[in-house]
Amino acid sequence: MPTALDELARASAPAPVTDAVRPSGFLDLSPDPRGVRGRRYRLPALVAAAAASVLAGARSLTAITEWITDAPAWACRALGFPVDPLTGTVSVPHPHTLRRLLVQLDGDALDGPVLSKLRRSDK
């Protein structure tokens, strides 16, 4: 686990992650390339987690999925991953789930809603 992730794991409150995942609200506007059936994880949570892992130093798909697997539970909750109501554990995606999504994502389709919302907020 990279040094930045060690610091994240030692943080006492989720405030830094909460500030970092605000862009996930933009991702709600992006088209989801996955089929409707079997969606367990929301697109914004998956993309925000991938982005957070890259910001923390991940440079490959393997490193991205390892970061998500090793992230503290409170960080995964802040990123938007589902919590089991009975056990309170946070469910994170299997590495293959994230790899399949990242291969399917169209960068231009992802940029469009984000850029248009940013332009509207500037006015």
N, C-alpha and C. Protein backbone atom coordinates (compact mmCIF):
# COMPACT_ATOMS: atom_id res chain seq x y z
N MET A 1 0.85 -1.17 0.00
CA MET A 1 0.00 0.00 0.00
C MET A 1 0.90 1.23 0.00
N PRO A 2 0.66 2.20 -0.92
CA PRO A 2 1.48 3.41 -0.98
C PRO A 2 1.38 4.24 0.30
N THR A 3 2.34 5.10 0.52
CA THR A 3 2.41 5.93 1.72
C THR A 3 1.16 6.79 1.90
N ALA A 4 0.65 7.37 0.83
CA ALA A 4 -0.55 8.21 0.92
C ALA A 4 -1.73 7.42 1.48
N LEU A 5 -1.81 6.15 1.12
CA LEU A 5 -2.90 5.31 1.63
C LEU A 5 -2.72 5.01 3.11
N ASP A 6 -1.45 4.89 3.56
CA ASP A 6 -1.20 4.69 4.98
C ASP A 6 -1.72 5.89 5.77
N GLU A 7 -1.48 7.08 5.24
CA GLU A 7 -1.97 8.29 5.90
C GLU A 7 -3.50 8.31 5.92
N LEU A 8 -4.13 7.93 4.82
CA LEU A 8 -5.58 7.88 4.75
C LEU A 8 -6.14 6.90 5.76
N ALA A 9 -5.49 5.75 5.91
CA ALA A 9 -5.95 4.74 6.85
C ALA A 9 -5.84 5.22 8.30
N ARG A 10 -4.87 6.10 8.59
CA ARG A 10 -4.68 6.60 9.95
C ARG A 10 -5.56 7.81 10.27
N ALA A 11 -6.19 8.39 9.28
CA ALA A 11 -7.02 9.58 9.52
C ALA A 11 -8.16 9.24 10.46
N SER A 12 -8.46 10.16 11.36
CA SER A 12 -9.48 9.88 12.37
C SER A 12 -10.89 10.22 11.90
N ALA A 13 -11.02 11.04 10.87
CA ALA A 13 -12.35 11.45 10.40
C ALA A 13 -12.38 11.41 8.88
N PRO A 14 -13.56 11.19 8.32
CA PRO A 14 -13.66 11.10 6.86
C PRO A 14 -13.74 12.44 6.14
N ALA A 15 -13.49 13.54 6.81
CA ALA A 15 -13.64 14.86 6.17
C ALA A 15 -12.81 15.02 4.90
N PRO A 16 -11.53 14.61 4.87
CA PRO A 16 -10.76 14.80 3.63
C PRO A 16 -11.36 14.03 2.46
N VAL A 17 -11.85 12.81 2.71
CA VAL A 17 -12.44 12.02 1.63
C VAL A 17 -13.76 12.64 1.19
N THR A 18 -14.55 13.14 2.14
CA THR A 18 -15.82 13.77 1.78
C THR A 18 -15.59 14.93 0.82
N ASP A 19 -14.58 15.74 1.09
CA ASP A 19 -14.27 16.85 0.18
C ASP A 19 -13.80 16.34 -1.17
N ALA A 20 -13.07 15.25 -1.18
CA ALA A 20 -12.51 14.72 -2.42
C ALA A 20 -13.57 14.08 -3.31
N VAL A 21 -14.66 13.59 -2.74
CA VAL A 21 -15.64 12.87 -3.56
C VAL A 21 -16.78 13.77 -4.03
N ARG A 22 -16.72 15.04 -3.78
CA ARG A 22 -17.77 15.93 -4.28
C ARG A 22 -17.97 15.82 -5.79
N PRO A 23 -16.90 15.60 -6.58
CA PRO A 23 -17.11 15.42 -8.02
C PRO A 23 -17.99 14.23 -8.37
N SER A 24 -18.20 13.31 -7.44
CA SER A 24 -19.05 12.15 -7.75
C SER A 24 -20.48 12.59 -8.07
N GLY A 25 -20.90 13.76 -7.60
CA GLY A 25 -22.21 14.28 -7.96
C GLY A 25 -22.33 14.56 -9.44
N PHE A 26 -21.22 14.96 -10.07
CA PHE A 26 -21.20 15.18 -11.50
C PHE A 26 -21.37 13.87 -12.26
N LEU A 27 -20.86 12.81 -11.68
CA LEU A 27 -20.87 11.51 -12.37
C LEU A 27 -22.27 10.92 -12.48
N ASP A 28 -23.22 11.40 -11.66
CA ASP A 28 -24.60 10.92 -11.78
C ASP A 28 -25.18 11.25 -13.15
N LEU A 29 -24.63 12.27 -13.81
CA LEU A 29 -25.14 12.70 -15.10
C LEU A 29 -24.53 11.92 -16.26
N SER A 30 -23.51 11.14 -15.99
CA SER A 30 -22.81 10.40 -17.05
C SER A 30 -23.55 9.12 -17.40
N PRO A 31 -23.51 8.74 -18.67
CA PRO A 31 -24.18 7.51 -19.08
C PRO A 31 -23.43 6.28 -18.55
N ASP A 32 -24.18 5.31 -18.09
CA ASP A 32 -23.61 4.07 -17.55
C ASP A 32 -23.56 3.04 -18.67
N PRO A 33 -22.38 2.56 -19.05
CA PRO A 33 -22.28 1.62 -20.18
C PRO A 33 -22.71 0.20 -19.84
N ARG A 34 -22.96 -0.07 -18.56
CA ARG A 34 -23.33 -1.43 -18.15
C ARG A 34 -24.80 -1.70 -18.43
N GLY A 35 -25.14 -2.96 -18.53
CA GLY A 35 -26.54 -3.35 -18.67
C GLY A 35 -27.29 -3.04 -17.38
N VAL A 36 -28.61 -2.97 -17.45
CA VAL A 36 -29.40 -2.59 -16.28
C VAL A 36 -29.43 -3.70 -15.22
N ARG A 37 -29.38 -4.92 -15.65
CA ARG A 37 -29.44 -6.04 -14.72
C ARG A 37 -28.09 -6.26 -14.04
N GLY A 38 -28.14 -6.54 -12.77
CA GLY A 38 -26.95 -6.90 -12.04
C GLY A 38 -26.07 -5.76 -11.58
N ARG A 39 -26.56 -4.53 -11.65
CA ARG A 39 -25.77 -3.39 -11.18
C ARG A 39 -25.82 -3.37 -9.65
N ARG A 40 -24.73 -3.71 -9.04
CA ARG A 40 -24.68 -3.71 -7.58
C ARG A 40 -24.07 -2.41 -7.06
N TYR A 41 -23.20 -1.83 -7.84
CA TYR A 41 -22.49 -0.62 -7.44
C TYR A 41 -22.85 0.51 -8.38
N ARG A 42 -23.04 1.71 -7.81
CA ARG A 42 -23.38 2.87 -8.62
C ARG A 42 -22.15 3.33 -9.39
N LEU A 43 -22.36 3.81 -10.60
CA LEU A 43 -21.29 4.30 -11.45
C LEU A 43 -20.47 5.39 -10.75
N PRO A 44 -21.11 6.39 -10.12
CA PRO A 44 -20.31 7.44 -9.47
C PRO A 44 -19.37 6.89 -8.39
N ALA A 45 -19.80 5.89 -7.65
CA ALA A 45 -18.95 5.31 -6.61
C ALA A 45 -17.73 4.64 -7.22
N LEU A 46 -17.94 3.89 -8.29
CA LEU A 46 -16.84 3.18 -8.94
C LEU A 46 -15.83 4.13 -9.57
N VAL A 47 -16.32 5.14 -10.27
CA VAL A 47 -15.42 6.08 -10.93
C VAL A 47 -14.71 6.97 -9.91
N ALA A 48 -15.42 7.40 -8.87
CA ALA A 48 -14.80 8.22 -7.83
C ALA A 48 -13.72 7.43 -7.10
N ALA A 49 -13.96 6.15 -6.85
CA ALA A 49 -12.96 5.31 -6.18
C ALA A 49 -11.73 5.13 -7.07
N ALA A 50 -11.96 4.93 -8.36
CA ALA A 50 -10.83 4.79 -9.29
C ALA A 50 -10.03 6.09 -9.33
N ALA A 51 -10.72 7.22 -9.37
CA ALA A 51 -10.03 8.52 -9.39
C ALA A 51 -9.26 8.75 -8.09
N ALA A 52 -9.87 8.40 -6.96
CA ALA A 52 -9.18 8.57 -5.67
C ALA A 52 -7.93 7.71 -5.60
N SER A 53 -8.01 6.51 -6.14
CA SER A 53 -6.84 5.63 -6.11
C SER A 53 -5.71 6.18 -6.98
N VAL A 54 -6.06 6.75 -8.12
CA VAL A 54 -5.04 7.35 -8.99
C VAL A 54 -4.42 8.56 -8.30
N LEU A 55 -5.24 9.37 -7.63
CA LEU A 55 -4.70 10.52 -6.89
C LEU A 55 -3.78 10.07 -5.76
N ALA A 56 -4.04 8.87 -5.23
CA ALA A 56 -3.20 8.33 -4.15
C ALA A 56 -1.96 7.63 -4.67
N GLY A 57 -1.81 7.56 -5.99
CA GLY A 57 -0.59 7.00 -6.55
C GLY A 57 -0.73 5.73 -7.36
N ALA A 58 -1.92 5.21 -7.51
CA ALA A 58 -2.11 3.99 -8.31
C ALA A 58 -1.84 4.29 -9.78
N ARG A 59 -1.08 3.43 -10.43
CA ARG A 59 -0.71 3.67 -11.82
C ARG A 59 -1.12 2.54 -12.76
N SER A 60 -1.86 1.56 -12.26
CA SER A 60 -2.30 0.44 -13.10
C SER A 60 -3.66 -0.03 -12.62
N LEU A 61 -4.32 -0.84 -13.45
CA LEU A 61 -5.62 -1.38 -13.03
C LEU A 61 -5.48 -2.22 -11.78
N THR A 62 -4.40 -2.96 -11.68
CA THR A 62 -4.17 -3.79 -10.49
C THR A 62 -4.02 -2.91 -9.25
N ALA A 63 -3.26 -1.84 -9.37
CA ALA A 63 -3.06 -0.93 -8.24
C ALA A 63 -4.36 -0.24 -7.85
N ILE A 64 -5.18 0.11 -8.83
CA ILE A 64 -6.47 0.75 -8.55
C ILE A 64 -7.36 -0.20 -7.76
N THR A 65 -7.47 -1.43 -8.22
CA THR A 65 -8.34 -2.38 -7.52
C THR A 65 -7.79 -2.74 -6.14
N GLU A 66 -6.47 -2.80 -5.99
CA GLU A 66 -5.88 -3.06 -4.68
C GLU A 66 -6.17 -1.92 -3.72
N TRP A 67 -6.09 -0.68 -4.22
CA TRP A 67 -6.37 0.47 -3.37
C TRP A 67 -7.80 0.42 -2.85
N ILE A 68 -8.74 0.11 -3.74
CA ILE A 68 -10.14 0.06 -3.33
C ILE A 68 -10.37 -1.06 -2.32
N THR A 69 -9.72 -2.19 -2.53
CA THR A 69 -9.86 -3.31 -1.60
C THR A 69 -9.27 -2.98 -0.23
N ASP A 70 -8.16 -2.23 -0.21
CA ASP A 70 -7.46 -1.92 1.04
C ASP A 70 -7.93 -0.64 1.72
N ALA A 71 -8.77 0.14 1.07
CA ALA A 71 -9.21 1.42 1.64
C ALA A 71 -10.02 1.17 2.92
N PRO A 72 -9.93 2.09 3.88
CA PRO A 72 -10.71 1.95 5.11
C PRO A 72 -12.21 1.97 4.81
N ALA A 73 -12.97 1.33 5.68
CA ALA A 73 -14.42 1.24 5.48
C ALA A 73 -15.07 2.62 5.40
N TRP A 74 -14.62 3.57 6.24
CA TRP A 74 -15.26 4.89 6.21
C TRP A 74 -15.00 5.59 4.87
N ALA A 75 -13.82 5.33 4.27
CA ALA A 75 -13.53 5.94 2.96
C ALA A 75 -14.44 5.33 1.89
N CYS A 76 -14.65 4.02 1.96
CA CYS A 76 -15.55 3.36 0.99
C CYS A 76 -16.98 3.85 1.15
N ARG A 77 -17.41 4.08 2.38
CA ARG A 77 -18.76 4.63 2.60
C ARG A 77 -18.85 6.03 2.00
N ALA A 78 -17.82 6.85 2.21
CA ALA A 78 -17.82 8.21 1.68
C ALA A 78 -17.81 8.21 0.16
N LEU A 79 -17.17 7.21 -0.44
CA LEU A 79 -17.14 7.10 -1.90
C LEU A 79 -18.48 6.64 -2.47
N GLY A 80 -19.34 6.06 -1.64
CA GLY A 80 -20.67 5.67 -2.09
C GLY A 80 -20.90 4.18 -2.25
N PHE A 81 -20.01 3.36 -1.70
CA PHE A 81 -20.24 1.92 -1.78
C PHE A 81 -21.31 1.50 -0.78
N PRO A 82 -22.10 0.47 -1.11
CA PRO A 82 -23.22 0.09 -0.25
C PRO A 82 -22.76 -0.54 1.07
N VAL A 83 -23.58 -0.32 2.10
CA VAL A 83 -23.33 -0.87 3.43
C VAL A 83 -24.39 -1.93 3.70
N ASP A 84 -23.96 -3.08 4.17
CA ASP A 84 -24.89 -4.16 4.52
C ASP A 84 -25.65 -3.72 5.77
N PRO A 85 -26.99 -3.66 5.70
CA PRO A 85 -27.76 -3.16 6.84
C PRO A 85 -27.69 -4.08 8.06
N LEU A 86 -27.41 -5.35 7.86
CA LEU A 86 -27.36 -6.28 8.99
C LEU A 86 -26.00 -6.29 9.69
N THR A 87 -24.95 -6.28 8.92
CA THR A 87 -23.61 -6.38 9.51
C THR A 87 -22.89 -5.05 9.61
N GLY A 88 -23.31 -4.08 8.80
CA GLY A 88 -22.65 -2.78 8.78
C GLY A 88 -21.35 -2.77 7.99
N THR A 89 -21.04 -3.88 7.32
CA THR A 89 -19.82 -3.92 6.52
C THR A 89 -20.05 -3.25 5.17
N VAL A 90 -19.00 -2.69 4.64
CA VAL A 90 -19.06 -2.01 3.35
C VAL A 90 -18.67 -3.02 2.27
N SER A 91 -19.49 -3.08 1.24
CA SER A 91 -19.23 -3.98 0.13
C SER A 91 -18.43 -3.25 -0.94
N VAL A 92 -17.29 -3.82 -1.33
CA VAL A 92 -16.50 -3.23 -2.41
C VAL A 92 -16.50 -4.19 -3.59
N PRO A 93 -16.34 -3.66 -4.79
CA PRO A 93 -16.43 -4.51 -5.97
C PRO A 93 -15.24 -5.45 -6.12
N HIS A 94 -15.50 -6.55 -6.76
CA HIS A 94 -14.44 -7.49 -7.12
C HIS A 94 -13.56 -6.79 -8.15
N PRO A 95 -12.26 -7.05 -8.16
CA PRO A 95 -11.38 -6.39 -9.13
C PRO A 95 -11.84 -6.54 -10.58
N HIS A 96 -12.40 -7.68 -10.94
CA HIS A 96 -12.85 -7.87 -12.33
C HIS A 96 -14.02 -6.95 -12.67
N THR A 97 -14.87 -6.66 -11.69
CA THR A 97 -16.00 -5.75 -11.92
C THR A 97 -15.48 -4.38 -12.33
N LEU A 98 -14.51 -3.89 -11.58
CA LEU A 98 -13.97 -2.56 -11.88
C LEU A 98 -13.21 -2.56 -13.20
N ARG A 99 -12.45 -3.60 -13.47
CA ARG A 99 -11.72 -3.67 -14.74
C ARG A 99 -12.67 -3.65 -15.93
N ARG A 100 -13.75 -4.45 -15.84
CA ARG A 100 -14.72 -4.48 -16.95
C ARG A 100 -15.33 -3.10 -17.17
N LEU A 101 -15.66 -2.41 -16.08
CA LEU A 101 -16.27 -1.08 -16.20
C LEU A 101 -15.28 -0.09 -16.82
N LEU A 102 -14.06 -0.07 -16.33
CA LEU A 102 -13.09 0.91 -16.83
C LEU A 102 -12.77 0.69 -18.30
N VAL A 103 -12.83 -0.54 -18.76
CA VAL A 103 -12.61 -0.82 -20.18
C VAL A 103 -13.80 -0.33 -21.01
N GLN A 104 -15.00 -0.42 -20.46
CA GLN A 104 -16.22 -0.02 -21.19
C GLN A 104 -16.44 1.48 -21.21
N LEU A 105 -15.91 2.20 -20.23
CA LEU A 105 -16.20 3.64 -20.13
C LEU A 105 -15.67 4.41 -21.33
N ASP A 106 -16.48 5.34 -21.79
CA ASP A 106 -16.09 6.24 -22.86
C ASP A 106 -15.72 7.57 -22.21
N GLY A 107 -14.45 7.94 -22.31
CA GLY A 107 -13.96 9.16 -21.66
C GLY A 107 -14.71 10.41 -22.10
N ASP A 108 -15.02 10.50 -23.39
CA ASP A 108 -15.75 11.68 -23.90
C ASP A 108 -17.16 11.73 -23.33
N ALA A 109 -17.82 10.58 -23.23
CA ALA A 109 -19.17 10.54 -22.67
C ALA A 109 -19.14 10.90 -21.19
N LEU A 110 -18.05 10.57 -20.52
CA LEU A 110 -17.90 10.89 -19.10
C LEU A 110 -17.60 12.39 -18.91
N ASP A 111 -16.81 12.96 -19.82
CA ASP A 111 -16.46 14.37 -19.73
C ASP A 111 -17.64 15.30 -20.00
N GLY A 112 -18.50 14.94 -20.93
CA GLY A 112 -19.58 15.82 -21.37
C GLY A 112 -20.42 16.39 -20.25
N PRO A 113 -21.09 15.56 -19.45
CA PRO A 113 -21.93 16.09 -18.37
C PRO A 113 -21.14 16.86 -17.32
N VAL A 114 -19.93 16.43 -17.03
CA VAL A 114 -19.12 17.11 -16.03
C VAL A 114 -18.77 18.52 -16.50
N LEU A 115 -18.30 18.63 -17.75
CA LEU A 115 -17.92 19.94 -18.28
C LEU A 115 -19.12 20.87 -18.42
N SER A 116 -20.26 20.34 -18.85
CA SER A 116 -21.44 21.20 -19.00
C SER A 116 -21.92 21.71 -17.65
N LYS A 117 -21.85 20.87 -16.62
CA LYS A 117 -22.27 21.32 -15.30
C LYS A 117 -21.29 22.36 -14.75
N LEU A 118 -20.00 22.17 -15.00
CA LEU A 118 -19.02 23.15 -14.56
C LEU A 118 -19.23 24.49 -15.26
N ARG A 119 -19.55 24.46 -16.55
CA ARG A 119 -19.79 25.71 -17.29
C ARG A 119 -21.00 26.44 -16.73
N ARG A 120 -22.05 25.69 -16.39
CA ARG A 120 -23.26 26.31 -15.84
C ARG A 120 -22.98 26.93 -14.46
N SER A 121 -22.12 26.27 -13.66
CA SER A 121 -21.84 26.80 -12.32
C SER A 121 -20.94 28.03 -12.37
N ASP A 122 -20.18 28.21 -13.46
CA ASP A 122 -19.32 29.39 -13.61
C ASP A 122 -20.10 30.65 -13.92
N LYS A 123 -21.29 30.51 -14.48
CA LYS A 123 -22.07 31.68 -14.90
C LYS A 123 -22.83 32.29 -13.77
